[in-house]
């Protein structure tokens, strides 16, 4: 008799199928909770800073840049190219923080649904 690991209830394939079946059963709830999560993220904000601390960028959980603030006049901070580089640095810092914040929210939603964050991402999770 030939035994296949694909036919046992503990095989990876069986577990994946069970997870997909669970997703399909709970599709409405998943969609609702993801919508709520996206609304929360739109209201959540983080600040990113340039290394010198003189430029601050505010970003929400949807990765929208909401504000760019300078400590002092831009020409006091440095040359045009220098200020532009610092703005990019502050934006990237803020976006990294926003991505981390979004990942924590996703993990919370996924845990509440009994799913892994990776599985939730496959079916319409956050970017």
C-alpha atoms as a PDB file:
ATOM      1  CA  UNK A   1       0.000   0.000   0.000  1.00  0.00           C
ATOM      2  CA  UNK A   2       1.317   3.448  -0.933  1.00  0.00           C
ATOM      3  CA  UNK A   3       0.880   6.269   1.543  1.00  0.00           C
ATOM      4  CA  UNK A   4       0.920   9.869   0.464  1.00  0.00           C
ATOM      5  CA  UNK A   5       1.576  12.783   2.778  1.00  0.00           C
ATOM      6  CA  UNK A   6      -0.881  14.802   0.663  1.00  0.00           C
ATOM      7  CA  UNK A   7      -3.865  12.812   1.878  1.00  0.00           C
ATOM      8  CA  UNK A   8      -3.314  13.120   5.621  1.00  0.00           C
ATOM      9  CA  UNK A   9      -5.207  15.757   7.618  1.00  0.00           C
ATOM     10  CA  UNK A  10      -1.901  17.138   8.936  1.00  0.00           C
ATOM     11  CA  UNK A  11      -0.247  17.660   5.562  1.00  0.00           C
ATOM     12  CA  UNK A  12       0.630  21.225   4.520  1.00  0.00           C
ATOM     13  CA  UNK A  13      -1.728  20.988   1.549  1.00  0.00           C
ATOM     14  CA  UNK A  14      -4.659  19.990   3.776  1.00  0.00           C
ATOM     15  CA  UNK A  15      -3.905  22.821   6.218  1.00  0.00           C
ATOM     16  CA  UNK A  16      -3.755  25.340   3.359  1.00  0.00           C
ATOM     17  CA  UNK A  17      -7.102  24.118   2.008  1.00  0.00           C
ATOM     18  CA  UNK A  18      -8.638  24.334   5.478  1.00  0.00           C
ATOM     19  CA  UNK A  19      -7.369  27.908   5.856  1.00  0.00           C
ATOM     20  CA  UNK A  20      -8.799  28.883   2.459  1.00  0.00           C
ATOM     21  CA  UNK A  21     -12.138  27.290   3.355  1.00  0.00           C
ATOM     22  CA  UNK A  22     -12.160  29.258   6.618  1.00  0.00           C
ATOM     23  CA  UNK A  23     -11.439  32.462   4.680  1.00  0.00           C
ATOM     24  CA  UNK A  24     -14.328  31.808   2.321  1.00  0.00           C
ATOM     25  CA  UNK A  25     -16.730  31.165   5.209  1.00  0.00           C
ATOM     26  CA  UNK A  26     -15.690  34.388   6.926  1.00  0.00           C
ATOM     27  CA  UNK A  27     -15.272  36.587   3.830  1.00  0.00           C
ATOM     28  CA  UNK A  28     -17.903  39.116   4.931  1.00  0.00           C
ATOM     29  CA  UNK A  29     -16.427  39.507   8.402  1.00  0.00           C
ATOM     30  CA  UNK A  30     -12.905  39.761   6.988  1.00  0.00           C
ATOM     31  CA  UNK A  31     -13.975  42.464   4.542  1.00  0.00           C
ATOM     32  CA  UNK A  32     -15.749  44.404   7.314  1.00  0.00           C
ATOM     33  CA  UNK A  33     -12.779  44.241   9.673  1.00  0.00           C
ATOM     34  CA  UNK A  34     -10.320  45.210   6.938  1.00  0.00           C
ATOM     35  CA  UNK A  35     -12.483  48.245   6.138  1.00  0.00           C
ATOM     36  CA  UNK A  36     -12.492  49.213   9.815  1.00  0.00           C
ATOM     37  CA  UNK A  37      -8.721  48.725   9.955  1.00  0.00           C
ATOM     38  CA  UNK A  38      -8.198  50.985   6.935  1.00  0.00           C
ATOM     39  CA  UNK A  39     -10.404  53.658   8.538  1.00  0.00           C
ATOM     40  CA  UNK A  40      -8.377  53.485  11.774  1.00  0.00           C
ATOM     41  CA  UNK A  41      -5.113  53.721   9.845  1.00  0.00           C
ATOM     42  CA  UNK A  42      -6.357  56.795   7.979  1.00  0.00           C
ATOM     43  CA  UNK A  43      -6.821  58.500  11.371  1.00  0.00           C
ATOM     44  CA  UNK A  44      -3.484  57.373  12.835  1.00  0.00           C
ATOM     45  CA  UNK A  45      -0.455  59.592  12.234  1.00  0.00           C
ATOM     46  CA  UNK A  46       3.279  59.297  12.780  1.00  0.00           C
ATOM     47  CA  UNK A  47       6.083  61.816  12.467  1.00  0.00           C
ATOM     48  CA  UNK A  48       9.368  61.180  10.716  1.00  0.00           C
ATOM     49  CA  UNK A  49      12.411  63.372  11.138  1.00  0.00           C
ATOM     50  CA  UNK A  50      15.550  64.206   9.238  1.00  0.00           C
ATOM     51  CA  UNK A  51      18.789  63.189  10.945  1.00  0.00           C
ATOM     52  CA  UNK A  52      19.438  66.804  11.948  1.00  0.00           C
ATOM     53  CA  UNK A  53      15.923  67.000  13.438  1.00  0.00           C
ATOM     54  CA  UNK A  54      15.068  70.233  11.652  1.00  0.00           C
ATOM     55  CA  UNK A  55      12.551  68.726   9.223  1.00  0.00           C
ATOM     56  CA  UNK A  56       9.468  66.800  10.355  1.00  0.00           C
ATOM     57  CA  UNK A  57       7.047  64.954   8.092  1.00  0.00           C
ATOM     58  CA  UNK A  58       3.644  63.667   9.234  1.00  0.00           C
ATOM     59  CA  UNK A  59       2.228  60.589   7.488  1.00  0.00           C
ATOM     60  CA  UNK A  60      -0.975  58.657   8.160  1.00  0.00           C
ATOM     61  CA  UNK A  61      -1.443  54.889   8.125  1.00  0.00           C
ATOM     62  CA  UNK A  62      -2.573  55.026   4.501  1.00  0.00           C
ATOM     63  CA  UNK A  63       0.917  56.317   3.628  1.00  0.00           C
ATOM     64  CA  UNK A  64      -0.383  59.795   2.775  1.00  0.00           C
ATOM     65  CA  UNK A  65       1.998  62.659   3.553  1.00  0.00           C
ATOM     66  CA  UNK A  66      -0.065  65.123   5.599  1.00  0.00           C
ATOM     67  CA  UNK A  67       2.486  67.776   6.517  1.00  0.00           C
ATOM     68  CA  UNK A  68       6.092  68.885   6.087  1.00  0.00           C
ATOM     69  CA  UNK A  69       7.431  71.245   8.735  1.00  0.00           C
ATOM     70  CA  UNK A  70      10.757  73.065   8.996  1.00  0.00           C
ATOM     71  CA  UNK A  71      12.407  74.165  12.214  1.00  0.00           C
ATOM     72  CA  UNK A  72      13.413  77.624  11.054  1.00  0.00           C
ATOM     73  CA  UNK A  73      13.575  78.868   7.487  1.00  0.00           C
ATOM     74  CA  UNK A  74      14.565  76.343   4.793  1.00  0.00           C
ATOM     75  CA  UNK A  75      17.485  78.526   3.642  1.00  0.00           C
ATOM     76  CA  UNK A  76      18.831  78.454   7.227  1.00  0.00           C
ATOM     77  CA  UNK A  77      18.971  74.650   7.146  1.00  0.00           C
ATOM     78  CA  UNK A  78      21.244  74.410   4.139  1.00  0.00           C
ATOM     79  CA  UNK A  79      21.489  74.548   0.376  1.00  0.00           C
ATOM     80  CA  UNK A  80      18.527  73.711  -1.855  1.00  0.00           C
ATOM     81  CA  UNK A  81      19.957  70.244  -2.595  1.00  0.00           C
ATOM     82  CA  UNK A  82      20.720  69.680   1.076  1.00  0.00           C
ATOM     83  CA  UNK A  83      17.198  70.631   2.160  1.00  0.00           C
ATOM     84  CA  UNK A  84      15.689  68.420  -0.554  1.00  0.00           C
ATOM     85  CA  UNK A  85      17.776  65.465   0.668  1.00  0.00           C
ATOM     86  CA  UNK A  86      16.693  66.092   4.257  1.00  0.00           C
ATOM     87  CA  UNK A  87      13.021  66.235   3.211  1.00  0.00           C
ATOM     88  CA  UNK A  88      13.386  62.877   1.443  1.00  0.00           C
ATOM     89  CA  UNK A  89      15.107  61.473   4.542  1.00  0.00           C
ATOM     90  CA  UNK A  90      12.273  62.666   6.795  1.00  0.00           C
ATOM     91  CA  UNK A  91       9.605  61.289   4.430  1.00  0.00           C
ATOM     92  CA  UNK A  92      11.299  57.888   4.302  1.00  0.00           C
ATOM     93  CA  UNK A  93      11.608  57.853   8.093  1.00  0.00           C
ATOM     94  CA  UNK A  94       7.899  58.642   8.467  1.00  0.00           C
ATOM     95  CA  UNK A  95       6.888  56.022   5.880  1.00  0.00           C
ATOM     96  CA  UNK A  96       8.919  53.313   7.669  1.00  0.00           C
ATOM     97  CA  UNK A  97       7.133  54.165  10.914  1.00  0.00           C
ATOM     98  CA  UNK A  98       3.740  54.159   9.162  1.00  0.00           C
ATOM     99  CA  UNK A  99       4.444  50.737   7.606  1.00  0.00           C
ATOM    100  CA  UNK A 100       5.370  49.352  11.029  1.00  0.00           C
ATOM    101  CA  UNK A 101       2.174  50.828  12.471  1.00  0.00           C
ATOM    102  CA  UNK A 102       0.092  49.307   9.647  1.00  0.00           C
ATOM    103  CA  UNK A 103       1.757  45.920  10.164  1.00  0.00           C
ATOM    104  CA  UNK A 104       0.798  45.964  13.858  1.00  0.00           C
ATOM    105  CA  UNK A 105      -2.804  46.826  12.965  1.00  0.00           C
ATOM    106  CA  UNK A 106      -2.875  44.021  10.377  1.00  0.00           C
ATOM    107  CA  UNK A 107      -1.497  41.559  12.905  1.00  0.00           C
ATOM    108  CA  UNK A 108      -4.192  42.576  15.370  1.00  0.00           C
ATOM    109  CA  UNK A 109      -6.961  42.126  12.782  1.00  0.00           C
ATOM    110  CA  UNK A 110      -5.547  38.796  11.603  1.00  0.00           C
ATOM    111  CA  UNK A 111      -5.234  37.478  15.154  1.00  0.00           C
ATOM    112  CA  UNK A 112      -8.822  38.505  15.863  1.00  0.00           C
ATOM    113  CA  UNK A 113      -9.930  36.504  12.825  1.00  0.00           C
ATOM    114  CA  UNK A 114      -7.790  33.489  13.703  1.00  0.00           C
ATOM    115  CA  UNK A 115      -5.570  34.019  10.645  1.00  0.00           C
ATOM    116  CA  UNK A 116      -1.921  34.720  10.077  1.00  0.00           C
ATOM    117  CA  UNK A 117      -1.100  38.234   8.826  1.00  0.00           C
ATOM    118  CA  UNK A 118       0.465  36.610   5.745  1.00  0.00           C
ATOM    119  CA  UNK A 119      -2.796  34.828   4.906  1.00  0.00           C
ATOM    120  CA  UNK A 120      -4.779  38.035   5.350  1.00  0.00           C
ATOM    121  CA  UNK A 121      -2.386  39.889   3.009  1.00  0.00           C
ATOM    122  CA  UNK A 122      -2.976  37.276   0.298  1.00  0.00           C
ATOM    123  CA  UNK A 123      -6.669  38.059   0.361  1.00  0.00           C
ATOM    124  CA  UNK A 124      -6.808  41.830   0.201  1.00  0.00           C
ATOM    125  CA  UNK A 125      -4.800  43.001   3.170  1.00  0.00           C
ATOM    126  CA  UNK A 126      -2.859  46.228   3.467  1.00  0.00           C
ATOM    127  CA  UNK A 127      -0.143  47.118   0.996  1.00  0.00           C
END
